[in-house]
PDB file of N, CA and C in Angstrom:
ATOM      1  N   MET A   1      12.944  12.301  15.247  1.00  0.00           N
ATOM      2  CA  MET A   1      14.274  12.532  15.769  1.00  0.00           C
ATOM      3  C   MET A   1      14.866  13.758  15.091  1.00  0.00           C
ATOM      4  N   ALA A   2      15.584  14.569  15.838  1.00  0.00           N
ATOM      5  CA  ALA A   2      16.149  15.812  15.326  1.00  0.00           C
ATOM      6  C   ALA A   2      17.136  15.569  14.182  1.00  0.00           C
ATOM      7  N   VAL A   3      17.829  14.442  14.219  1.00  0.00           N
ATOM      8  CA  VAL A   3      18.823  14.163  13.178  1.00  0.00           C
ATOM      9  C   VAL A   3      18.156  14.072  11.807  1.00  0.00           C
ATOM     10  N   SER A   4      16.996  13.450  11.749  1.00  0.00           N
ATOM     11  CA  SER A   4      16.278  13.334  10.472  1.00  0.00           C
ATOM     12  C   SER A   4      15.896  14.705   9.936  1.00  0.00           C
ATOM     13  N   LEU A   5      15.437  15.578  10.805  1.00  0.00           N
ATOM     14  CA  LEU A   5      15.054  16.932  10.395  1.00  0.00           C
ATOM     15  C   LEU A   5      16.260  17.698   9.861  1.00  0.00           C
ATOM     16  N   ILE A   6      17.363  17.632  10.574  1.00  0.00           N
ATOM     17  CA  ILE A   6      18.573  18.345  10.137  1.00  0.00           C
ATOM     18  C   ILE A   6      19.079  17.789   8.811  1.00  0.00           C
ATOM     19  N   ARG A   7      19.111  16.452   8.687  1.00  0.00           N
ATOM     20  CA  ARG A   7      19.553  15.843   7.426  1.00  0.00           C
ATOM     21  C   ARG A   7      18.658  16.278   6.260  1.00  0.00           C
ATOM     22  N   HIS A   8      17.361  16.300   6.504  1.00  0.00           N
ATOM     23  CA  HIS A   8      16.421  16.716   5.456  1.00  0.00           C
ATOM     24  C   HIS A   8      16.679  18.168   5.056  1.00  0.00           C
ATOM     25  N   ASN A   9      16.867  19.040   6.039  1.00  0.00           N
ATOM     26  CA  ASN A   9      17.108  20.456   5.737  1.00  0.00           C
ATOM     27  C   ASN A   9      18.423  20.644   5.001  1.00  0.00           C
ATOM     28  N   LEU A  10      19.465  19.919   5.386  1.00  0.00           N
ATOM     29  CA  LEU A  10      20.739  20.014   4.673  1.00  0.00           C
ATOM     30  C   LEU A  10      20.586  19.519   3.239  1.00  0.00           C
ATOM     31  N   ASP A  11      19.789  18.466   3.061  1.00  0.00           N
ATOM     32  CA  ASP A  11      19.535  17.922   1.729  1.00  0.00           C
ATOM     33  C   ASP A  11      18.846  18.960   0.831  1.00  0.00           C
ATOM     34  N   LEU A  12      17.979  19.768   1.418  1.00  0.00           N
ATOM     35  CA  LEU A  12      17.310  20.819   0.644  1.00  0.00           C
ATOM     36  C   LEU A  12      18.309  21.808   0.059  1.00  0.00           C
ATOM     37  N   PHE A  13      19.423  22.001   0.746  1.00  0.00           N
ATOM     38  CA  PHE A  13      20.465  22.903   0.262  1.00  0.00           C
ATOM     39  C   PHE A  13      21.531  22.171  -0.548  1.00  0.00           C
ATOM     40  N   GLY A  14      21.309  20.889  -0.811  1.00  0.00           N
ATOM     41  CA  GLY A  14      22.225  20.118  -1.634  1.00  0.00           C
ATOM     42  C   GLY A  14      23.415  19.539  -0.886  1.00  0.00           C
ATOM     43  N   ILE A  15      23.378  19.589   0.421  1.00  0.00           N
ATOM     44  CA  ILE A  15      24.481  19.059   1.214  1.00  0.00           C
ATOM     45  C   ILE A  15      24.228  17.575   1.435  1.00  0.00           C
ATOM     46  N   LYS A  16      25.084  16.756   0.839  1.00  0.00           N
ATOM     47  CA  LYS A  16      24.890  15.304   0.885  1.00  0.00           C
ATOM     48  C   LYS A  16      25.955  14.592   1.729  1.00  0.00           C
ATOM     49  N   ASP A  17      27.136  15.180   1.821  1.00  0.00           N
ATOM     50  CA  ASP A  17      28.247  14.552   2.538  1.00  0.00           C
ATOM     51  C   ASP A  17      28.165  14.969   4.009  1.00  0.00           C
ATOM     52  N   ILE A  18      27.526  14.149   4.817  1.00  0.00           N
ATOM     53  CA  ILE A  18      27.254  14.483   6.216  1.00  0.00           C
ATOM     54  C   ILE A  18      27.903  13.447   7.125  1.00  0.00           C
ATOM     55  N   THR A  19      28.569  13.932   8.145  1.00  0.00           N
ATOM     56  CA  THR A  19      29.123  13.068   9.183  1.00  0.00           C
ATOM     57  C   THR A  19      28.359  13.349  10.464  1.00  0.00           C
ATOM     58  N   SER A  20      27.790  12.320  11.060  1.00  0.00           N
ATOM     59  CA  SER A  20      27.000  12.485  12.276  1.00  0.00           C
ATOM     60  C   SER A  20      27.707  11.860  13.468  1.00  0.00           C
ATOM     61  N   VAL A  21      27.668  12.563  14.580  1.00  0.00           N
ATOM     62  CA  VAL A  21      28.118  12.040  15.865  1.00  0.00           C
ATOM     63  C   VAL A  21      26.964  12.299  16.824  1.00  0.00           C
ATOM     64  N   ILE A  22      26.329  11.230  17.270  1.00  0.00           N
ATOM     65  CA  ILE A  22      25.137  11.350  18.099  1.00  0.00           C
ATOM     66  C   ILE A  22      25.461  10.895  19.521  1.00  0.00           C
ATOM     67  N   VAL A  23      25.133  11.749  20.480  1.00  0.00           N
ATOM     68  CA  VAL A  23      25.345  11.435  21.898  1.00  0.00           C
ATOM     69  C   VAL A  23      23.982  11.134  22.498  1.00  0.00           C
ATOM     70  N   GLU A  24      23.819   9.914  22.962  1.00  0.00           N
ATOM     71  CA  GLU A  24      22.541   9.511  23.547  1.00  0.00           C
ATOM     72  C   GLU A  24      22.747   9.053  24.988  1.00  0.00           C
ATOM     73  N   GLY A  25      21.690   9.146  25.761  1.00  0.00           N
ATOM     74  CA  GLY A  25      21.699   8.618  27.109  1.00  0.00           C
ATOM     75  C   GLY A  25      22.052   9.614  28.189  1.00  0.00           C
ATOM     76  N   HIS A  26      22.477  10.830  27.813  1.00  0.00           N
ATOM     77  CA  HIS A  26      22.894  11.786  28.833  1.00  0.00           C
ATOM     78  C   HIS A  26      21.718  12.291  29.672  1.00  0.00           C
ATOM     79  N   ASN A  27      20.517  12.257  29.136  1.00  0.00           N
ATOM     80  CA  ASN A  27      19.331  12.609  29.936  1.00  0.00           C
ATOM     81  C   ASN A  27      18.795  11.387  30.678  1.00  0.00           C
ATOM     82  N   GLN A  28      18.890  10.244  30.062  1.00  0.00           N
ATOM     83  CA  GLN A  28      18.377   9.011  30.661  1.00  0.00           C
ATOM     84  C   GLN A  28      19.234   8.554  31.838  1.00  0.00           C
ATOM     85  N   PHE A  29      20.529   8.793  31.755  1.00  0.00           N
ATOM     86  CA  PHE A  29      21.460   8.371  32.814  1.00  0.00           C
ATOM     87  C   PHE A  29      22.209   9.594  33.342  1.00  0.00           C
ATOM     88  N   PRO A  30      21.568  10.408  34.173  1.00  0.00           N
ATOM     89  CA  PRO A  30      22.214  11.642  34.640  1.00  0.00           C
ATOM     90  C   PRO A  30      23.510  11.403  35.412  1.00  0.00           C
ATOM     91  N   ASP A  31      23.637  10.242  36.035  1.00  0.00           N
ATOM     92  CA  ASP A  31      24.867   9.951  36.773  1.00  0.00           C
ATOM     93  C   ASP A  31      26.053   9.718  35.830  1.00  0.00           C
ATOM     94  N   ARG A  32      25.773   9.413  34.567  1.00  0.00           N
ATOM     95  CA  ARG A  32      26.835   9.163  33.578  1.00  0.00           C
ATOM     96  C   ARG A  32      26.878  10.238  32.497  1.00  0.00           C
ATOM     97  N   SER A  33      26.092  11.310  32.668  1.00  0.00           N
ATOM     98  CA  SER A  33      25.961  12.297  31.595  1.00  0.00           C
ATOM     99  C   SER A  33      27.294  12.949  31.215  1.00  0.00           C
ATOM    100  N   GLU A  34      28.105  13.311  32.208  1.00  0.00           N
ATOM    101  CA  GLU A  34      29.384  13.951  31.883  1.00  0.00           C
ATOM    102  C   GLU A  34      30.272  13.039  31.055  1.00  0.00           C
ATOM    103  N   ALA A  35      30.348  11.776  31.427  1.00  0.00           N
ATOM    104  CA  ALA A  35      31.187  10.826  30.679  1.00  0.00           C
ATOM    105  C   ALA A  35      30.640  10.609  29.272  1.00  0.00           C
ATOM    106  N   LEU A  36      29.323  10.491  29.139  1.00  0.00           N
ATOM    107  CA  LEU A  36      28.716  10.285  27.823  1.00  0.00           C
ATOM    108  C   LEU A  36      28.961  11.485  26.917  1.00  0.00           C
ATOM    109  N   ILE A  37      28.813  12.666  27.466  1.00  0.00           N
ATOM    110  CA  ILE A  37      29.045  13.874  26.673  1.00  0.00           C
ATOM    111  C   ILE A  37      30.516  13.991  26.308  1.00  0.00           C
ATOM    112  N   ARG A  38      31.411  13.714  27.250  1.00  0.00           N
ATOM    113  CA  ARG A  38      32.853  13.771  26.978  1.00  0.00           C
ATOM    114  C   ARG A  38      33.224  12.792  25.854  1.00  0.00           C
ATOM    115  N   GLU A  39      32.675  11.569  25.904  1.00  0.00           N
ATOM    116  CA  GLU A  39      32.944  10.590  24.843  1.00  0.00           C
ATOM    117  C   GLU A  39      32.427  11.091  23.502  1.00  0.00           C
ATOM    118  N   GLY A  40      31.260  11.722  23.509  1.00  0.00           N
ATOM    119  CA  GLY A  40      30.714  12.278  22.271  1.00  0.00           C
ATOM    120  C   GLY A  40      31.585  13.378  21.700  1.00  0.00           C
ATOM    121  N   ILE A  41      32.109  14.234  22.569  1.00  0.00           N
ATOM    122  CA  ILE A  41      33.006  15.297  22.119  1.00  0.00           C
ATOM    123  C   ILE A  41      34.275  14.695  21.535  1.00  0.00           C
ATOM    124  N   GLU A  42      34.800  13.657  22.165  1.00  0.00           N
ATOM    125  CA  GLU A  42      36.000  12.997  21.646  1.00  0.00           C
ATOM    126  C   GLU A  42      35.729  12.361  20.282  1.00  0.00           C
ATOM    127  N   ARG A  43      34.554  11.729  20.128  1.00  0.00           N
ATOM    128  CA  ARG A  43      34.204  11.135  18.826  1.00  0.00           C
ATOM    129  C   ARG A  43      34.043  12.218  17.762  1.00  0.00           C
ATOM    130  N   ALA A  44      33.464  13.350  18.145  1.00  0.00           N
ATOM    131  CA  ALA A  44      33.295  14.457  17.201  1.00  0.00           C
ATOM    132  C   ALA A  44      34.650  15.028  16.783  1.00  0.00           C
ATOM    133  N   ALA A  45      35.564  15.162  17.740  1.00  0.00           N
ATOM    134  CA  ALA A  45      36.908  15.660  17.418  1.00  0.00           C
ATOM    135  C   ALA A  45      37.624  14.704  16.475  1.00  0.00           C
ATOM    136  N   GLU A  46      37.459  13.406  16.717  1.00  0.00           N
ATOM    137  CA  GLU A  46      38.078  12.404  15.838  1.00  0.00           C
ATOM    138  C   GLU A  46      37.486  12.496  14.426  1.00  0.00           C
ATOM    139  N   ALA A  47      36.182  12.646  14.336  1.00  0.00           N
ATOM    140  CA  ALA A  47      35.534  12.769  13.021  1.00  0.00           C
ATOM    141  C   ALA A  47      35.970  14.053  12.326  1.00  0.00           C
ATOM    142  N   ALA A  48      36.156  15.125  13.082  1.00  0.00           N
ATOM    143  CA  ALA A  48      36.528  16.413  12.502  1.00  0.00           C
ATOM    144  C   ALA A  48      37.918  16.402  11.892  1.00  0.00           C
ATOM    145  N   LYS A  49      38.773  15.481  12.303  1.00  0.00           N
ATOM    146  CA  LYS A  49      40.122  15.409  11.746  1.00  0.00           C
ATOM    147  C   LYS A  49      40.093  15.149  10.241  1.00  0.00           C
ATOM    148  N   SER A  50      39.024  14.549   9.756  1.00  0.00           N
ATOM    149  CA  SER A  50      38.926  14.267   8.325  1.00  0.00           C
ATOM    150  C   SER A  50      38.425  15.474   7.530  1.00  0.00           C
ATOM    151  N   PHE A  51      37.963  16.524   8.221  1.00  0.00           N
ATOM    152  CA  PHE A  51      37.483  17.721   7.540  1.00  0.00           C
ATOM    153  C   PHE A  51      38.668  18.586   7.154  1.00  0.00           C
ATOM    154  N   LYS A  52      38.611  19.177   5.980  1.00  0.00           N
ATOM    155  CA  LYS A  52      39.713  20.007   5.506  1.00  0.00           C
ATOM    156  C   LYS A  52      39.510  21.453   5.933  1.00  0.00           C
ATOM    157  N   GLY A  53      40.593  22.081   6.379  1.00  0.00           N
ATOM    158  CA  GLY A  53      40.560  23.502   6.693  1.00  0.00           C
ATOM    159  C   GLY A  53      39.915  23.863   8.016  1.00  0.00           C
ATOM    160  N   LEU A  54      39.691  22.897   8.898  1.00  0.00           N
ATOM    161  CA  LEU A  54      39.086  23.190  10.191  1.00  0.00           C
ATOM    162  C   LEU A  54      40.069  22.911  11.313  1.00  0.00           C
ATOM    163  N   LYS A  55      39.976  23.695  12.363  1.00  0.00           N
ATOM    164  CA  LYS A  55      40.810  23.483  13.538  1.00  0.00           C
ATOM    165  C   LYS A  55      40.053  22.588  14.512  1.00  0.00           C
ATOM    166  N   VAL A  56      40.704  21.530  14.986  1.00  0.00           N
ATOM    167  CA  VAL A  56      40.086  20.611  15.939  1.00  0.00           C
ATOM    168  C   VAL A  56      40.507  21.011  17.347  1.00  0.00           C
ATOM    169  N   ILE A  57      39.514  21.297  18.193  1.00  0.00           N
ATOM    170  CA  ILE A  57      39.770  21.623  19.595  1.00  0.00           C
ATOM    171  C   ILE A  57      39.664  20.321  20.374  1.00  0.00           C
ATOM    172  N   PRO A  58      40.712  19.901  21.080  1.00  0.00           N
ATOM    173  CA  PRO A  58      40.660  18.621  21.792  1.00  0.00           C
ATOM    174  C   PRO A  58      39.601  18.619  22.882  1.00  0.00           C
ATOM    175  N   ALA A  59      39.049  17.457  23.140  1.00  0.00           N
ATOM    176  CA  ALA A  59      38.007  17.316  24.160  1.00  0.00           C
ATOM    177  C   ALA A  59      38.516  17.737  25.522  1.00  0.00           C
ATOM    178  N   SER A  60      39.825  17.645  25.745  1.00  0.00           N
ATOM    179  CA  SER A  60      40.382  18.040  27.036  1.00  0.00           C
ATOM    180  C   SER A  60      40.230  19.536  27.286  1.00  0.00           C
ATOM    181  N   ALA A  61      39.908  20.298  26.243  1.00  0.00           N
ATOM    182  CA  ALA A  61      39.711  21.739  26.395  1.00  0.00           C
ATOM    183  C   ALA A  61      38.383  22.039  27.064  1.00  0.00           C
ATOM    184  N   GLY A  62      37.542  21.021  27.226  1.00  0.00           N
ATOM    185  CA  GLY A  62      36.256  21.213  27.898  1.00  0.00           C
ATOM    186  C   GLY A  62      35.126  21.363  26.907  1.00  0.00           C
ATOM    187  N   PRO A  63      33.916  21.447  27.414  1.00  0.00           N
ATOM    188  CA  PRO A  63      32.760  21.560  26.533  1.00  0.00           C
ATOM    189  C   PRO A  63      32.746  22.891  25.792  1.00  0.00           C
ATOM    190  N   ALA A  64      32.108  22.912  24.656  1.00  0.00           N
ATOM    191  CA  ALA A  64      32.040  24.124  23.845  1.00  0.00           C
ATOM    192  C   ALA A  64      31.143  25.177  24.495  1.00  0.00           C
ATOM    193  N   PHE A  65      30.235  24.758  25.350  1.00  0.00           N
ATOM    194  CA  PHE A  65      29.333  25.689  26.013  1.00  0.00           C
ATOM    195  C   PHE A  65      29.318  25.398  27.498  1.00  0.00           C
ATOM    196  N   HIS A  66      29.183  26.445  28.283  1.00  0.00           N
ATOM    197  CA  HIS A  66      29.041  26.271  29.720  1.00  0.00           C
ATOM    198  C   HIS A  66      27.657  25.754  30.026  1.00  0.00           C
ATOM    199  N   SER A  67      27.471  25.185  31.197  1.00  0.00           N
ATOM    200  CA  SER A  67      26.169  24.653  31.567  1.00  0.00           C
ATOM    201  C   SER A  67      25.101  25.735  31.630  1.00  0.00           C
ATOM    202  N   GLU A  68      25.494  27.004  31.797  1.00  0.00           N
ATOM    203  CA  GLU A  68      24.522  28.076  31.819  1.00  0.00           C
ATOM    204  C   GLU A  68      24.045  28.417  30.413  1.00  0.00           C
ATOM    205  N   GLY A  69      24.687  27.849  29.404  1.00  0.00           N
ATOM    206  CA  GLY A  69      24.257  28.060  28.034  1.00  0.00           C
ATOM    207  C   GLY A  69      25.068  29.109  27.288  1.00  0.00           C
ATOM    208  N   GLY A  70      25.982  29.798  27.940  1.00  0.00           N
ATOM    209  CA  GLY A  70      26.781  30.805  27.266  1.00  0.00           C
ATOM    210  C   GLY A  70      27.971  30.188  26.560  1.00  0.00           C
ATOM    211  N   GLU A  71      28.426  30.858  25.504  1.00  0.00           N
ATOM    212  CA  GLU A  71      29.606  30.368  24.803  1.00  0.00           C
ATOM    213  C   GLU A  71      30.836  30.609  25.647  1.00  0.00           C
ATOM    214  N   ARG A  72      31.863  29.762  25.438  1.00  0.00           N
ATOM    215  CA  ARG A  72      33.090  29.977  26.217  1.00  0.00           C
ATOM    216  C   ARG A  72      33.978  30.978  25.537  1.00  0.00           C
TER     217      ARG A  72
END
């Protein structure tokens, strides 16, 4: 799983305080993918509120990337 790889790599740099928000099922259930991704973005925004010095962009602002893969 990609999360294990990322956690291991962060650990190599001494980063131990990690908050994870994992969105699953968006490929398995394409009819519900938008809702699943939106919920994941909302959970990530909620988790980000505990981070110091960061600006939280509300999920209502839309996805961070367009479906074509370009940044907004």
